[in-house]
Amino acid sequence: MAGLSEKTCAACRGDMPSLSGDAARALLKQLDQWEIINDHHLHKDLAFPDFRSALAFVNRVGEVAEAEGHHPNIGLTWGAVTIDIWTHKIDGLTESDFILAAKIDRLPLA
């Protein structure tokens, strides 16, 4: 069975149900320090030594997001990045959100 980071984000149909509860928590166990917020989205805070390295990381996240066709909300400030991921079309979580998070987890921080 392929890990989340080996899968590809799938296009969302507006009629698909969102993941929550046990199903979402099972996928969360495969991620590194992400949280599920209000059964709605994934959230992660990352710390960096300066603005330049935080910006470089954001650019790497952007490349992954473009390749997957799935785009997170990203906050950038001096020494910190926040990432929130959910499937906008259904306003909730799908497996693709966890796949994108797993791919972000594999990115180098420096």
Protein backbone atom coordinates (compact mmCIF):
# COMPACT_ATOMS: atom_id res chain seq x y z
CA MET A 1 0.00 0.00 0.00
CA ALA A 2 1.46 3.35 -1.04
CA GLY A 3 2.04 5.98 1.61
CA LEU A 4 0.23 9.28 1.31
CA SER A 5 3.24 11.07 -0.14
CA GLU A 6 3.39 8.51 -2.97
CA LYS A 7 -0.19 9.21 -4.07
CA THR A 8 -1.46 11.97 -6.32
CA CYS A 9 -4.11 14.51 -5.37
CA ALA A 10 -7.39 13.77 -7.13
CA ALA A 11 -9.74 16.36 -8.54
CA CYS A 12 -12.64 16.93 -6.19
CA ARG A 13 -16.25 16.49 -7.20
CA GLY A 14 -18.64 18.82 -5.41
CA ASP A 15 -20.81 15.90 -4.32
CA MET A 16 -18.16 13.96 -2.40
CA PRO A 17 -18.46 13.74 1.38
CA SER A 18 -15.82 15.30 3.58
CA LEU A 19 -13.60 13.20 5.83
CA SER A 20 -13.98 13.60 9.57
CA GLY A 21 -13.81 11.64 12.79
CA ASP A 22 -11.99 8.31 12.75
CA ALA A 23 -11.26 8.39 9.01
CA ALA A 24 -9.52 11.77 9.24
CA ARG A 25 -7.65 10.86 12.44
CA ALA A 26 -6.33 7.66 10.82
CA LEU A 27 -4.82 9.68 7.97
CA LEU A 28 -3.52 12.31 10.39
CA LYS A 29 -1.35 9.65 12.04
CA GLN A 30 0.65 9.47 8.80
CA LEU A 31 1.57 13.17 8.99
CA ASP A 32 4.19 15.04 11.00
CA GLN A 33 2.81 17.59 13.49
CA TRP A 34 -0.31 18.58 11.58
CA GLU A 35 -3.57 19.29 13.38
CA ILE A 36 -7.16 18.88 12.27
CA ILE A 37 -9.05 22.08 13.07
CA ASN A 38 -12.82 21.82 13.61
CA ASP A 39 -13.07 18.75 11.35
CA HIS A 40 -12.59 21.30 8.54
CA HIS A 41 -8.92 21.76 7.68
CA LEU A 42 -5.35 20.70 8.36
CA HIS A 43 -3.02 23.17 10.02
CA LYS A 44 0.73 23.28 10.61
CA ASP A 45 3.08 25.92 12.04
CA LEU A 46 6.74 25.88 11.00
CA ALA A 47 9.62 27.93 12.42
CA PHE A 48 12.63 29.20 10.46
CA PRO A 49 15.75 31.13 11.46
CA ASP A 50 14.96 34.07 9.14
CA PHE A 51 12.67 35.43 6.45
CA ARG A 52 14.77 34.19 3.53
CA SER A 53 14.59 30.51 4.56
CA ALA A 54 10.86 30.78 5.32
CA LEU A 55 10.28 32.29 1.86
CA ALA A 56 12.36 29.57 0.20
CA PHE A 57 10.23 26.93 1.92
CA VAL A 58 7.02 28.66 0.80
CA ASN A 59 8.32 28.58 -2.77
CA ARG A 60 8.98 24.82 -2.48
CA VAL A 61 5.43 24.33 -1.15
CA GLY A 62 4.14 26.33 -4.11
CA GLU A 63 5.92 24.05 -6.57
CA VAL A 64 4.38 20.96 -4.97
CA ALA A 65 0.94 22.60 -4.90
CA GLU A 66 1.16 23.45 -8.60
CA ALA A 67 2.32 19.94 -9.49
CA GLU A 68 -0.59 18.43 -7.55
CA GLY A 69 -3.19 20.96 -8.66
CA HIS A 70 -4.15 21.42 -5.01
CA HIS A 71 -3.37 24.69 -3.27
CA PRO A 72 -3.03 25.44 0.45
CA ASN A 73 -3.47 28.72 2.25
CA ILE A 74 0.01 29.84 3.28
CA GLY A 75 1.00 32.49 5.80
CA LEU A 76 4.53 33.91 5.68
CA THR A 77 6.21 36.18 8.20
CA TRP A 78 9.73 36.63 9.52
CA GLY A 79 10.85 33.19 10.73
CA ALA A 80 7.48 31.48 10.44
CA VAL A 81 5.18 29.80 7.95
CA THR A 82 1.64 28.58 8.57
CA ILE A 83 -0.15 26.22 6.24
CA ASP A 84 -3.86 25.42 6.13
CA ILE A 85 -5.22 22.83 3.73
CA TRP A 86 -8.78 21.88 2.89
CA THR A 87 -10.76 21.11 -0.23
CA HIS A 88 -12.52 24.36 -1.06
CA LYS A 89 -15.07 22.77 -3.38
CA ILE A 90 -16.67 20.85 -0.49
CA ASP A 91 -15.45 23.16 2.31
CA GLY A 92 -13.95 20.23 4.19
CA LEU A 93 -11.28 17.55 4.20
CA THR A 94 -10.61 14.93 1.52
CA GLU A 95 -7.80 12.43 1.12
CA SER A 96 -6.10 14.88 -1.25
CA ASP A 97 -5.58 17.29 1.64
CA PHE A 98 -3.67 14.63 3.55
CA ILE A 99 -1.70 13.72 0.41
CA LEU A 100 -0.62 17.33 -0.06
CA ALA A 101 0.32 17.60 3.63
CA ALA A 102 2.44 14.43 3.36
CA LYS A 103 4.23 15.81 0.32
CA ILE A 104 4.91 19.07 2.19
CA ASP A 105 6.31 17.02 5.09
CA ARG A 106 8.93 15.60 2.71
CA LEU A 107 10.24 19.03 1.70
CA PRO A 108 13.55 20.17 3.18
CA LEU A 109 13.20 23.03 5.65
CA ALA A 110 16.54 24.55 4.71
